[in-house]
Amino acid sequence: MASLISCPHCGARPKEEFSIRGDASLIRPAPDAGADAWFDYVYLRDNPKGRHSEFWHHSSGCRRWLIVERDTVTHAVHSVRDAALSKLGGEPA
């Protein structure tokens, strides 16, 4: 049985239609932030265990950016929402 993601625009779709961008909780530094802040933002990432929010792009569907909350251990999806309507974290690049 295929894993499905419930896109708020297209309904339940196979996970293969999506690409994962990464951590949705990161805050982008100010343009004039120092090199250390940019280095941390670009290269340093946590590897969380459990529930985590990520940016996903519905690349083979509506092409919208979504925030998917899923468990990194079980891969169970707990929620999906439109990233443009969300106040969580930074912005997808």
N, C-alpha and C. Protein backbone atom coordinates (compact mmCIF):
# COMPACT_ATOMS: atom_id res chain seq x y z
N MET A 1 0.84 -1.18 0.00
CA MET A 1 0.00 0.00 0.00
C MET A 1 0.89 1.25 0.00
N ALA A 2 0.60 2.17 -0.86
CA ALA A 2 1.39 3.39 -0.98
C ALA A 2 1.11 4.34 0.18
N SER A 3 2.12 5.10 0.56
CA SER A 3 1.93 6.15 1.56
C SER A 3 1.27 7.34 0.90
N LEU A 4 0.28 7.91 1.57
CA LEU A 4 -0.46 9.04 1.02
C LEU A 4 -0.24 10.27 1.88
N ILE A 5 -0.17 11.42 1.23
CA ILE A 5 -0.11 12.72 1.89
C ILE A 5 -1.40 13.44 1.53
N SER A 6 -2.08 13.99 2.52
CA SER A 6 -3.34 14.71 2.27
C SER A 6 -3.05 16.17 1.95
N CYS A 7 -2.88 16.46 0.68
CA CYS A 7 -2.65 17.83 0.23
C CYS A 7 -3.94 18.62 0.47
N PRO A 8 -3.85 19.82 1.11
CA PRO A 8 -5.07 20.59 1.36
C PRO A 8 -5.73 21.10 0.07
N HIS A 9 -5.02 21.03 -1.05
CA HIS A 9 -5.55 21.53 -2.32
C HIS A 9 -5.98 20.40 -3.26
N CYS A 10 -5.27 19.25 -3.20
CA CYS A 10 -5.51 18.17 -4.16
C CYS A 10 -6.09 16.90 -3.54
N GLY A 11 -6.15 16.85 -2.21
CA GLY A 11 -6.63 15.64 -1.55
C GLY A 11 -5.49 14.65 -1.33
N ALA A 12 -5.84 13.41 -1.04
CA ALA A 12 -4.84 12.37 -0.75
C ALA A 12 -4.09 12.01 -2.03
N ARG A 13 -2.76 12.15 -1.96
CA ARG A 13 -1.91 11.89 -3.12
C ARG A 13 -0.72 11.03 -2.69
N PRO A 14 -0.15 10.20 -3.59
CA PRO A 14 1.02 9.38 -3.24
C PRO A 14 2.21 10.27 -2.85
N LYS A 15 2.99 9.82 -1.86
CA LYS A 15 4.11 10.63 -1.38
C LYS A 15 5.15 10.88 -2.47
N GLU A 16 5.17 10.05 -3.51
CA GLU A 16 6.13 10.24 -4.60
C GLU A 16 5.87 11.52 -5.40
N GLU A 17 4.70 12.13 -5.25
CA GLU A 17 4.40 13.40 -5.93
C GLU A 17 5.05 14.60 -5.24
N PHE A 18 5.65 14.38 -4.07
CA PHE A 18 6.18 15.46 -3.25
C PHE A 18 7.70 15.37 -3.15
N SER A 19 8.32 16.50 -2.93
CA SER A 19 9.75 16.53 -2.60
C SER A 19 9.90 17.24 -1.26
N ILE A 20 10.82 16.75 -0.45
CA ILE A 20 11.03 17.30 0.88
C ILE A 20 12.12 18.35 0.81
N ARG A 21 11.85 19.52 1.38
CA ARG A 21 12.82 20.62 1.37
C ARG A 21 13.62 20.66 2.66
N GLY A 22 13.00 20.37 3.80
CA GLY A 22 13.74 20.36 5.05
C GLY A 22 12.97 20.99 6.19
N ASP A 23 13.68 21.27 7.25
CA ASP A 23 13.16 21.76 8.52
C ASP A 23 12.35 23.04 8.35
N ALA A 24 11.10 23.01 8.80
CA ALA A 24 10.23 24.18 8.67
C ALA A 24 10.33 25.12 9.86
N SER A 25 11.13 24.76 10.85
CA SER A 25 11.23 25.61 12.04
C SER A 25 12.43 26.56 12.00
N LEU A 26 13.27 26.45 10.99
CA LEU A 26 14.44 27.33 10.90
C LEU A 26 14.03 28.77 10.59
N ILE A 27 14.72 29.70 11.21
CA ILE A 27 14.48 31.12 10.96
C ILE A 27 15.66 31.65 10.15
N ARG A 28 15.37 32.22 8.99
CA ARG A 28 16.40 32.75 8.11
C ARG A 28 17.05 33.98 8.74
N PRO A 29 18.39 34.05 8.76
CA PRO A 29 19.05 35.24 9.33
C PRO A 29 18.76 36.49 8.49
N ALA A 30 18.95 37.64 9.10
CA ALA A 30 18.82 38.91 8.38
C ALA A 30 19.90 38.97 7.30
N PRO A 31 19.64 39.67 6.20
CA PRO A 31 20.63 39.75 5.13
C PRO A 31 22.00 40.25 5.59
N ASP A 32 22.02 41.11 6.59
CA ASP A 32 23.30 41.66 7.06
C ASP A 32 23.87 40.89 8.26
N ALA A 33 23.34 39.70 8.53
CA ALA A 33 23.85 38.89 9.63
C ALA A 33 25.28 38.47 9.33
N GLY A 34 26.02 38.18 10.35
CA GLY A 34 27.42 37.80 10.18
C GLY A 34 27.58 36.43 9.54
N ALA A 35 28.80 36.14 9.15
CA ALA A 35 29.12 34.87 8.49
C ALA A 35 28.79 33.67 9.37
N ASP A 36 29.01 33.80 10.68
CA ASP A 36 28.71 32.68 11.60
C ASP A 36 27.23 32.33 11.59
N ALA A 37 26.36 33.34 11.58
CA ALA A 37 24.92 33.10 11.56
C ALA A 37 24.51 32.41 10.26
N TRP A 38 25.07 32.84 9.13
CA TRP A 38 24.75 32.23 7.85
C TRP A 38 25.31 30.81 7.74
N PHE A 39 26.51 30.60 8.27
CA PHE A 39 27.09 29.26 8.27
C PHE A 39 26.18 28.30 9.04
N ASP A 40 25.76 28.71 10.23
CA ASP A 40 24.88 27.87 11.05
C ASP A 40 23.57 27.57 10.32
N TYR A 41 22.99 28.59 9.69
CA TYR A 41 21.71 28.43 8.99
C TYR A 41 21.83 27.47 7.80
N VAL A 42 22.92 27.58 7.05
CA VAL A 42 23.08 26.79 5.83
C VAL A 42 23.55 25.37 6.12
N TYR A 43 24.47 25.20 7.07
CA TYR A 43 25.13 23.91 7.21
C TYR A 43 24.76 23.09 8.45
N LEU A 44 24.34 23.72 9.51
CA LEU A 44 24.10 22.97 10.75
C LEU A 44 22.63 22.60 10.87
N ARG A 45 22.36 21.31 10.99
CA ARG A 45 20.99 20.82 11.09
C ARG A 45 20.88 19.80 12.21
N ASP A 46 19.76 19.82 12.91
CA ASP A 46 19.45 18.79 13.88
C ASP A 46 18.90 17.58 13.13
N ASN A 47 18.96 16.44 13.76
CA ASN A 47 18.38 15.22 13.21
C ASN A 47 17.38 14.71 14.25
N PRO A 48 16.18 15.33 14.28
CA PRO A 48 15.24 15.04 15.36
C PRO A 48 14.66 13.63 15.29
N LYS A 49 14.30 13.13 16.45
CA LYS A 49 13.62 11.85 16.55
C LYS A 49 12.22 12.15 17.09
N GLY A 50 11.20 11.72 16.38
CA GLY A 50 9.83 11.99 16.80
C GLY A 50 9.15 12.97 15.87
N ARG A 51 8.14 13.68 16.40
CA ARG A 51 7.38 14.64 15.58
C ARG A 51 8.26 15.80 15.15
N HIS A 52 8.10 16.17 13.89
CA HIS A 52 8.93 17.22 13.30
C HIS A 52 8.17 17.85 12.14
N SER A 53 8.31 19.17 11.96
CA SER A 53 7.65 19.88 10.85
C SER A 53 8.67 20.12 9.74
N GLU A 54 8.25 19.81 8.52
CA GLU A 54 9.13 19.94 7.35
C GLU A 54 8.40 20.64 6.21
N PHE A 55 9.18 21.34 5.38
CA PHE A 55 8.63 21.88 4.14
C PHE A 55 8.60 20.77 3.11
N TRP A 56 7.45 20.58 2.48
CA TRP A 56 7.30 19.64 1.37
C TRP A 56 6.73 20.43 0.19
N HIS A 57 7.18 20.12 -1.00
CA HIS A 57 6.70 20.77 -2.21
C HIS A 57 5.90 19.76 -3.02
N HIS A 58 4.66 20.12 -3.36
CA HIS A 58 3.83 19.21 -4.17
C HIS A 58 4.23 19.41 -5.63
N SER A 59 5.40 18.89 -5.96
CA SER A 59 6.02 19.14 -7.26
C SER A 59 5.29 18.50 -8.44
N SER A 60 4.57 17.42 -8.22
CA SER A 60 3.83 16.77 -9.31
C SER A 60 2.33 16.99 -9.19
N GLY A 61 1.95 18.02 -8.48
CA GLY A 61 0.52 18.32 -8.29
C GLY A 61 0.29 19.81 -8.40
N CYS A 62 -0.21 20.40 -7.34
CA CYS A 62 -0.58 21.82 -7.34
C CYS A 62 0.63 22.76 -7.25
N ARG A 63 1.82 22.20 -6.98
CA ARG A 63 3.07 22.95 -6.89
C ARG A 63 3.09 23.92 -5.72
N ARG A 64 2.28 23.67 -4.71
CA ARG A 64 2.25 24.50 -3.51
C ARG A 64 3.26 23.98 -2.50
N TRP A 65 3.76 24.90 -1.66
CA TRP A 65 4.60 24.53 -0.53
C TRP A 65 3.69 24.19 0.65
N LEU A 66 4.00 23.09 1.31
CA LEU A 66 3.21 22.62 2.44
C LEU A 66 4.11 22.44 3.65
N ILE A 67 3.53 22.49 4.83
CA ILE A 67 4.25 22.10 6.04
C ILE A 67 3.62 20.80 6.50
N VAL A 68 4.44 19.76 6.52
CA VAL A 68 4.00 18.43 6.90
C VAL A 68 4.61 18.11 8.26
N GLU A 69 3.76 17.80 9.22
CA GLU A 69 4.24 17.35 10.52
C GLU A 69 4.19 15.84 10.51
N ARG A 70 5.36 15.21 10.67
CA ARG A 70 5.41 13.76 10.64
C ARG A 70 6.37 13.26 11.71
N ASP A 71 6.21 12.00 12.05
CA ASP A 71 7.08 11.35 13.01
C ASP A 71 8.26 10.76 12.24
N THR A 72 9.48 11.16 12.60
CA THR A 72 10.66 10.70 11.87
C THR A 72 11.01 9.24 12.19
N VAL A 73 10.38 8.67 13.19
CA VAL A 73 10.62 7.26 13.53
C VAL A 73 9.64 6.36 12.79
N THR A 74 8.36 6.68 12.87
CA THR A 74 7.32 5.83 12.26
C THR A 74 6.91 6.31 10.87
N HIS A 75 7.27 7.54 10.50
CA HIS A 75 6.87 8.18 9.24
C HIS A 75 5.37 8.48 9.16
N ALA A 76 4.69 8.38 10.29
CA ALA A 76 3.26 8.71 10.32
C ALA A 76 3.09 10.22 10.14
N VAL A 77 2.18 10.61 9.27
CA VAL A 77 1.90 12.03 9.02
C VAL A 77 0.79 12.46 9.97
N HIS A 78 1.04 13.53 10.74
CA HIS A 78 0.07 14.01 11.73
C HIS A 78 -0.73 15.20 11.23
N SER A 79 -0.13 16.04 10.40
CA SER A 79 -0.87 17.18 9.86
C SER A 79 -0.18 17.68 8.60
N VAL A 80 -0.99 18.33 7.75
CA VAL A 80 -0.49 18.96 6.52
C VAL A 80 -1.21 20.28 6.38
N ARG A 81 -0.46 21.36 6.15
CA ARG A 81 -1.09 22.66 5.94
C ARG A 81 -0.30 23.45 4.90
N ASP A 82 -0.95 24.41 4.32
CA ASP A 82 -0.34 25.28 3.32
C ASP A 82 0.70 26.17 4.00
N ALA A 83 1.92 26.17 3.49
CA ALA A 83 3.00 26.96 4.10
C ALA A 83 2.74 28.46 3.97
N ALA A 84 2.06 28.88 2.92
CA ALA A 84 1.79 30.30 2.73
C ALA A 84 0.84 30.85 3.79
N LEU A 85 0.04 29.98 4.38
CA LEU A 85 -0.93 30.40 5.38
C LEU A 85 -0.43 30.15 6.80
N SER A 86 0.77 29.62 6.93
CA SER A 86 1.30 29.24 8.23
C SER A 86 2.25 30.31 8.78
N LYS A 87 2.36 30.37 10.09
CA LYS A 87 3.27 31.30 10.73
C LYS A 87 4.50 30.60 11.31
N LEU A 88 4.66 29.31 11.00
CA LEU A 88 5.76 28.53 11.55
C LEU A 88 7.03 28.74 10.73
N GLY A 89 8.12 29.03 11.41
CA GLY A 89 9.44 29.00 10.81
C GLY A 89 9.70 30.00 9.71
N GLY A 90 10.71 29.68 8.93
CA GLY A 90 11.18 30.56 7.86
C GLY A 90 10.39 30.35 6.60
N GLU A 91 11.05 30.50 5.48
CA GLU A 91 10.38 30.40 4.20
C GLU A 91 11.07 29.34 3.35
N PRO A 92 10.35 28.62 2.52
CA PRO A 92 11.01 27.67 1.64
C PRO A 92 11.83 28.41 0.59
N ALA A 93 12.95 27.85 0.25
CA ALA A 93 13.82 28.50 -0.75
C ALA A 93 13.61 27.89 -2.11
